[in-house]
Amino acid sequence: MTRARTAPRTVLRRFPAGGPRGSLPAEEFARARRDEGTPAEVVMDLAGDLFLVVVARPGALVSPAGDE
């Protein structure tokens, strides 16, 4: 199985996906960070059943698939 490569990211905060408000708490947290100037986004960690608020690490480079 081939895995897609993504840029290294820093997790700012984790939110349970099974919460009664779904992704809304994560979206609100990410919006507050964006309002402060941090380019935060929400991604889903399927294996952990979590919503993650992340930011890309500045200057991080990604190797093309196959370069290990």
PDB file of N, CA and C in Angstrom:
ATOM      1  N   MET A   1       0.842  -1.183   0.000  1.00  0.00           N
ATOM      2  CA  MET A   1       0.000   0.000   0.000  1.00  0.00           C
ATOM      3  C   MET A   1       0.884   1.241   0.000  1.00  0.00           C
ATOM      4  N   THR A   2       0.559   2.188  -0.845  1.00  0.00           N
ATOM      5  CA  THR A   2       1.291   3.436  -0.934  1.00  0.00           C
ATOM      6  C   THR A   2       0.629   4.477  -0.041  1.00  0.00           C
ATOM      7  N   ARG A   3       1.435   5.165   0.715  1.00  0.00           N
ATOM      8  CA  ARG A   3       0.921   6.225   1.574  1.00  0.00           C
ATOM      9  C   ARG A   3       1.274   7.578   0.979  1.00  0.00           C
ATOM     10  N   ALA A   4       0.342   8.499   1.059  1.00  0.00           N
ATOM     11  CA  ALA A   4       0.604   9.856   0.591  1.00  0.00           C
ATOM     12  C   ALA A   4       1.509  10.561   1.598  1.00  0.00           C
ATOM     13  N   ARG A   5       2.381  11.370   1.098  1.00  0.00           N
ATOM     14  CA  ARG A   5       3.259  12.142   1.969  1.00  0.00           C
ATOM     15  C   ARG A   5       2.626  13.501   2.221  1.00  0.00           C
ATOM     16  N   THR A   6       2.647  13.935   3.461  1.00  0.00           N
ATOM     17  CA  THR A   6       2.141  15.262   3.795  1.00  0.00           C
ATOM     18  C   THR A   6       3.244  16.029   4.495  1.00  0.00           C
ATOM     19  N   ALA A   7       3.157  17.335   4.433  1.00  0.00           N
ATOM     20  CA  ALA A   7       4.131  18.174   5.113  1.00  0.00           C
ATOM     21  C   ALA A   7       4.016  17.968   6.617  1.00  0.00           C
ATOM     22  N   PRO A   8       5.145  17.955   7.326  1.00  0.00           N
ATOM     23  CA  PRO A   8       5.088  17.831   8.782  1.00  0.00           C
ATOM     24  C   PRO A   8       4.258  18.959   9.375  1.00  0.00           C
ATOM     25  N   ARG A   9       3.432  18.596  10.346  1.00  0.00           N
ATOM     26  CA  ARG A   9       2.555  19.576  10.971  1.00  0.00           C
ATOM     27  C   ARG A   9       2.673  19.489  12.486  1.00  0.00           C
ATOM     28  N   THR A  10       2.350  20.576  13.148  1.00  0.00           N
ATOM     29  CA  THR A  10       2.316  20.628  14.598  1.00  0.00           C
ATOM     30  C   THR A  10       0.862  20.610  15.036  1.00  0.00           C
ATOM     31  N   VAL A  11       0.536  19.721  15.967  1.00  0.00           N
ATOM     32  CA  VAL A  11      -0.824  19.641  16.499  1.00  0.00           C
ATOM     33  C   VAL A  11      -0.953  20.654  17.637  1.00  0.00           C
ATOM     34  N   LEU A  12      -1.895  21.577  17.484  1.00  0.00           N
ATOM     35  CA  LEU A  12      -2.141  22.568  18.523  1.00  0.00           C
ATOM     36  C   LEU A  12      -3.069  22.034  19.605  1.00  0.00           C
ATOM     37  N   ARG A  13      -4.070  21.255  19.183  1.00  0.00           N
ATOM     38  CA  ARG A  13      -5.042  20.722  20.133  1.00  0.00           C
ATOM     39  C   ARG A  13      -5.813  19.571  19.507  1.00  0.00           C
ATOM     40  N   ARG A  14      -6.242  18.637  20.359  1.00  0.00           N
ATOM     41  CA  ARG A  14      -7.024  17.471  19.931  1.00  0.00           C
ATOM     42  C   ARG A  14      -8.427  17.561  20.505  1.00  0.00           C
ATOM     43  N   PHE A  15      -9.424  17.162  19.703  1.00  0.00           N
ATOM     44  CA  PHE A  15     -10.824  17.167  20.130  1.00  0.00           C
ATOM     45  C   PHE A  15     -11.432  15.808  19.812  1.00  0.00           C
ATOM     46  N   PRO A  16     -12.180  15.199  20.744  1.00  0.00           N
ATOM     47  CA  PRO A  16     -12.805  13.908  20.461  1.00  0.00           C
ATOM     48  C   PRO A  16     -13.838  14.030  19.348  1.00  0.00           C
ATOM     49  N   ALA A  17     -13.788  13.099  18.416  1.00  0.00           N
ATOM     50  CA  ALA A  17     -14.719  13.144  17.289  1.00  0.00           C
ATOM     51  C   ALA A  17     -16.126  12.740  17.704  1.00  0.00           C
ATOM     52  N   GLY A  18     -16.253  11.999  18.784  1.00  0.00           N
ATOM     53  CA  GLY A  18     -17.559  11.520  19.205  1.00  0.00           C
ATOM     54  C   GLY A  18     -18.321  12.488  20.090  1.00  0.00           C
ATOM     55  N   GLY A  19     -17.828  13.710  20.225  1.00  0.00           N
ATOM     56  CA  GLY A  19     -18.510  14.694  21.062  1.00  0.00           C
ATOM     57  C   GLY A  19     -19.854  15.093  20.483  1.00  0.00           C
ATOM     58  N   PRO A  20     -20.747  15.601  21.341  1.00  0.00           N
ATOM     59  CA  PRO A  20     -22.091  15.954  20.874  1.00  0.00           C
ATOM     60  C   PRO A  20     -22.119  17.092  19.850  1.00  0.00           C
ATOM     61  N   ARG A  21     -21.080  17.896  19.797  1.00  0.00           N
ATOM     62  CA  ARG A  21     -21.048  19.019  18.853  1.00  0.00           C
ATOM     63  C   ARG A  21     -20.199  18.720  17.625  1.00  0.00           C
ATOM     64  N   GLY A  22     -19.768  17.460  17.479  1.00  0.00           N
ATOM     65  CA  GLY A  22     -18.986  17.071  16.312  1.00  0.00           C
ATOM     66  C   GLY A  22     -17.687  17.849  16.201  1.00  0.00           C
ATOM     67  N   SER A  23     -17.410  18.367  15.017  1.00  0.00           N
ATOM     68  CA  SER A  23     -16.157  19.088  14.785  1.00  0.00           C
ATOM     69  C   SER A  23     -16.229  20.556  15.194  1.00  0.00           C
ATOM     70  N   LEU A  24     -17.388  21.025  15.623  1.00  0.00           N
ATOM     71  CA  LEU A  24     -17.555  22.449  15.919  1.00  0.00           C
ATOM     72  C   LEU A  24     -16.535  22.998  16.918  1.00  0.00           C
ATOM     73  N   PRO A  25     -16.251  22.337  18.047  1.00  0.00           N
ATOM     74  CA  PRO A  25     -15.240  22.889  18.955  1.00  0.00           C
ATOM     75  C   PRO A  25     -13.866  23.046  18.291  1.00  0.00           C
ATOM     76  N   ALA A  26     -13.491  22.077  17.461  1.00  0.00           N
ATOM     77  CA  ALA A  26     -12.210  22.167  16.757  1.00  0.00           C
ATOM     78  C   ALA A  26     -12.235  23.314  15.753  1.00  0.00           C
ATOM     79  N   GLU A  27     -13.344  23.458  15.031  1.00  0.00           N
ATOM     80  CA  GLU A  27     -13.464  24.552  14.053  1.00  0.00           C
ATOM     81  C   GLU A  27     -13.408  25.914  14.745  1.00  0.00           C
ATOM     82  N   GLU A  28     -14.052  26.034  15.887  1.00  0.00           N
ATOM     83  CA  GLU A  28     -14.037  27.300  16.635  1.00  0.00           C
ATOM     84  C   GLU A  28     -12.627  27.624  17.127  1.00  0.00           C
ATOM     85  N   PHE A  29     -11.930  26.604  17.631  1.00  0.00           N
ATOM     86  CA  PHE A  29     -10.558  26.807  18.101  1.00  0.00           C
ATOM     87  C   PHE A  29      -9.656  27.228  16.943  1.00  0.00           C
ATOM     88  N   ALA A  30      -9.789  26.555  15.795  1.00  0.00           N
ATOM     89  CA  ALA A  30      -8.981  26.890  14.622  1.00  0.00           C
ATOM     90  C   ALA A  30      -9.284  28.305  14.138  1.00  0.00           C
ATOM     91  N   ARG A  31     -10.558  28.695  14.135  1.00  0.00           N
ATOM     92  CA  ARG A  31     -10.942  30.044  13.715  1.00  0.00           C
ATOM     93  C   ARG A  31     -10.289  31.092  14.629  1.00  0.00           C
ATOM     94  N   ALA A  32     -10.291  30.846  15.937  1.00  0.00           N
ATOM     95  CA  ALA A  32      -9.656  31.783  16.876  1.00  0.00           C
ATOM     96  C   ALA A  32      -8.166  31.898  16.598  1.00  0.00           C
ATOM     97  N   ARG A  33      -7.505  30.776  16.265  1.00  0.00           N
ATOM     98  CA  ARG A  33      -6.076  30.838  15.936  1.00  0.00           C
ATOM     99  C   ARG A  33      -5.860  31.607  14.645  1.00  0.00           C
ATOM    100  N   ARG A  34      -6.729  31.400  13.637  1.00  0.00           N
ATOM    101  CA  ARG A  34      -6.595  32.146  12.378  1.00  0.00           C
ATOM    102  C   ARG A  34      -6.809  33.636  12.610  1.00  0.00           C
ATOM    103  N   ASP A  35      -7.755  33.988  13.486  1.00  0.00           N
ATOM    104  CA  ASP A  35      -7.987  35.399  13.809  1.00  0.00           C
ATOM    105  C   ASP A  35      -6.754  36.029  14.453  1.00  0.00           C
ATOM    106  N   GLU A  36      -5.926  35.209  15.107  1.00  0.00           N
ATOM    107  CA  GLU A  36      -4.675  35.673  15.716  1.00  0.00           C
ATOM    108  C   GLU A  36      -3.513  35.674  14.711  1.00  0.00           C
ATOM    109  N   GLY A  37      -3.761  35.157  13.504  1.00  0.00           N
ATOM    110  CA  GLY A  37      -2.729  35.149  12.478  1.00  0.00           C
ATOM    111  C   GLY A  37      -2.030  33.812  12.283  1.00  0.00           C
ATOM    112  N   THR A  38      -2.460  32.780  12.985  1.00  0.00           N
ATOM    113  CA  THR A  38      -1.881  31.445  12.834  1.00  0.00           C
ATOM    114  C   THR A  38      -2.699  30.674  11.809  1.00  0.00           C
ATOM    115  N   PRO A  39      -2.068  30.137  10.758  1.00  0.00           N
ATOM    116  CA  PRO A  39      -2.818  29.441   9.710  1.00  0.00           C
ATOM    117  C   PRO A  39      -3.255  28.033  10.129  1.00  0.00           C
ATOM    118  N   ALA A  40      -4.135  27.954  11.103  1.00  0.00           N
ATOM    119  CA  ALA A  40      -4.589  26.669  11.646  1.00  0.00           C
ATOM    120  C   ALA A  40      -5.678  26.063  10.771  1.00  0.00           C
ATOM    121  N   GLU A  41      -5.705  24.742  10.733  1.00  0.00           N
ATOM    122  CA  GLU A  41      -6.763  24.028  10.021  1.00  0.00           C
ATOM    123  C   GLU A  41      -7.139  22.791  10.816  1.00  0.00           C
ATOM    124  N   VAL A  42      -8.313  22.259  10.535  1.00  0.00           N
ATOM    125  CA  VAL A  42      -8.810  21.065  11.212  1.00  0.00           C
ATOM    126  C   VAL A  42      -8.673  19.877  10.278  1.00  0.00           C
ATOM    127  N   VAL A  43      -8.098  18.795  10.806  1.00  0.00           N
ATOM    128  CA  VAL A  43      -7.999  17.535  10.068  1.00  0.00           C
ATOM    129  C   VAL A  43      -8.555  16.426  10.952  1.00  0.00           C
ATOM    130  N   MET A  44      -8.921  15.316  10.323  1.00  0.00           N
ATOM    131  CA  MET A  44      -9.474  14.182  11.049  1.00  0.00           C
ATOM    132  C   MET A  44      -8.424  13.103  11.192  1.00  0.00           C
ATOM    133  N   ASP A  45      -8.231  12.627  12.414  1.00  0.00           N
ATOM    134  CA  ASP A  45      -7.383  11.469  12.682  1.00  0.00           C
ATOM    135  C   ASP A  45      -8.324  10.279  12.818  1.00  0.00           C
ATOM    136  N   LEU A  46      -8.496   9.530  11.732  1.00  0.00           N
ATOM    137  CA  LEU A  46      -9.444   8.414  11.727  1.00  0.00           C
ATOM    138  C   LEU A  46      -9.041   7.324  12.712  1.00  0.00           C
ATOM    139  N   ALA A  47      -7.760   7.020  12.776  1.00  0.00           N
ATOM    140  CA  ALA A  47      -7.296   5.958  13.667  1.00  0.00           C
ATOM    141  C   ALA A  47      -7.530   6.320  15.133  1.00  0.00           C
ATOM    142  N   GLY A  48      -7.365   7.598  15.469  1.00  0.00           N
ATOM    143  CA  GLY A  48      -7.535   8.036  16.846  1.00  0.00           C
ATOM    144  C   GLY A  48      -8.928   8.545  17.163  1.00  0.00           C
ATOM    145  N   ASP A  49      -9.801   8.630  16.152  1.00  0.00           N
ATOM    146  CA  ASP A  49     -11.160   9.158  16.307  1.00  0.00           C
ATOM    147  C   ASP A  49     -11.123  10.547  16.940  1.00  0.00           C
ATOM    148  N   LEU A  50     -10.280  11.410  16.349  1.00  0.00           N
ATOM    149  CA  LEU A  50     -10.074  12.764  16.860  1.00  0.00           C
ATOM    150  C   LEU A  50     -10.101  13.781  15.732  1.00  0.00           C
ATOM    151  N   PHE A  51     -10.506  14.993  16.067  1.00  0.00           N
ATOM    152  CA  PHE A  51     -10.282  16.146  15.202  1.00  0.00           C
ATOM    153  C   PHE A  51      -9.029  16.826  15.731  1.00  0.00           C
ATOM    154  N   LEU A  52      -8.097  17.134  14.835  1.00  0.00           N
ATOM    155  CA  LEU A  52      -6.852  17.787  15.215  1.00  0.00           C
ATOM    156  C   LEU A  52      -6.807  19.179  14.618  1.00  0.00           C
ATOM    157  N   VAL A  53      -6.405  20.152  15.421  1.00  0.00           N
ATOM    158  CA  VAL A  53      -6.151  21.494  14.909  1.00  0.00           C
ATOM    159  C   VAL A  53      -4.642  21.563  14.702  1.00  0.00           C
ATOM    160  N   VAL A  54      -4.238  21.781  13.447  1.00  0.00           N
ATOM    161  CA  VAL A  54      -2.823  21.709  13.091  1.00  0.00           C
ATOM    162  C   VAL A  54      -2.370  22.953  12.346  1.00  0.00           C
ATOM    163  N   VAL A  55      -1.044  23.155  12.365  1.00  0.00           N
ATOM    164  CA  VAL A  55      -0.397  24.171  11.528  1.00  0.00           C
ATOM    165  C   VAL A  55       0.809  23.505  10.878  1.00  0.00           C
ATOM    166  N   ALA A  56       1.113  23.898   9.650  1.00  0.00           N
ATOM    167  CA  ALA A  56       2.290  23.383   8.962  1.00  0.00           C
ATOM    168  C   ALA A  56       3.536  23.927   9.645  1.00  0.00           C
ATOM    169  N   ARG A  57       4.564  23.105   9.706  1.00  0.00           N
ATOM    170  CA  ARG A  57       5.832  23.568  10.271  1.00  0.00           C
ATOM    171  C   ARG A  57       6.525  24.442   9.237  1.00  0.00           C
ATOM    172  N   PRO A  58       6.945  25.626   9.617  1.00  0.00           N
ATOM    173  CA  PRO A  58       7.604  26.526   8.659  1.00  0.00           C
ATOM    174  C   PRO A  58       8.869  25.892   8.083  1.00  0.00           C
ATOM    175  N   GLY A  59       9.014  25.980   6.785  1.00  0.00           N
ATOM    176  CA  GLY A  59      10.215  25.499   6.117  1.00  0.00           C
ATOM    177  C   GLY A  59      10.304  23.992   5.980  1.00  0.00           C
ATOM    178  N   ALA A  60       9.254  23.272   6.343  1.00  0.00           N
ATOM    179  CA  ALA A  60       9.291  21.814   6.254  1.00  0.00           C
ATOM    180  C   ALA A  60       9.232  21.385   4.794  1.00  0.00           C
ATOM    181  N   LEU A  61      10.060  20.429   4.449  1.00  0.00           N
ATOM    182  CA  LEU A  61      10.089  19.900   3.081  1.00  0.00           C
ATOM    183  C   LEU A  61       9.575  18.476   3.102  1.00  0.00           C
ATOM    184  N   VAL A  62       8.923  18.093   2.032  1.00  0.00           N
ATOM    185  CA  VAL A  62       8.397  16.744   1.900  1.00  0.00           C
ATOM    186  C   VAL A  62       9.131  16.049   0.775  1.00  0.00           C
ATOM    187  N   SER A  63       9.632  14.846   1.050  1.00  0.00           N
ATOM    188  CA  SER A  63      10.287  14.060   0.003  1.00  0.00           C
ATOM    189  C   SER A  63       9.231  13.464  -0.914  1.00  0.00           C
ATOM    190  N   PRO A  64       9.513  13.358  -2.189  1.00  0.00           N
ATOM    191  CA  PRO A  64       8.553  12.701  -3.080  1.00  0.00           C
ATOM    192  C   PRO A  64       8.337  11.259  -2.637  1.00  0.00           C
ATOM    193  N   ALA A  65       7.164  10.710  -2.921  1.00  0.00           N
ATOM    194  CA  ALA A  65       6.851   9.320  -2.560  1.00  0.00           C
ATOM    195  C   ALA A  65       7.917   8.396  -3.123  1.00  0.00           C
ATOM    196  N   GLY A  66       8.356   7.452  -2.317  1.00  0.00           N
ATOM    197  CA  GLY A  66       9.371   6.503  -2.768  1.00  0.00           C
ATOM    198  C   GLY A  66      10.756   6.858  -2.297  1.00  0.00           C
ATOM    199  N   ASP A  67      11.022   8.089  -1.925  1.00  0.00           N
ATOM    200  CA  ASP A  67      12.332   8.494  -1.404  1.00  0.00           C
ATOM    201  C   ASP A  67      12.339   8.283   0.096  1.00  0.00           C
ATOM    202  N   GLU A  68      12.943   7.234   0.550  1.00  0.00           N
ATOM    203  CA  GLU A  68      12.934   6.920   1.985  1.00  0.00           C
ATOM    204  C   GLU A  68      14.293   7.155   2.567  1.00  0.00           C
TER     205      GLU A  68
END
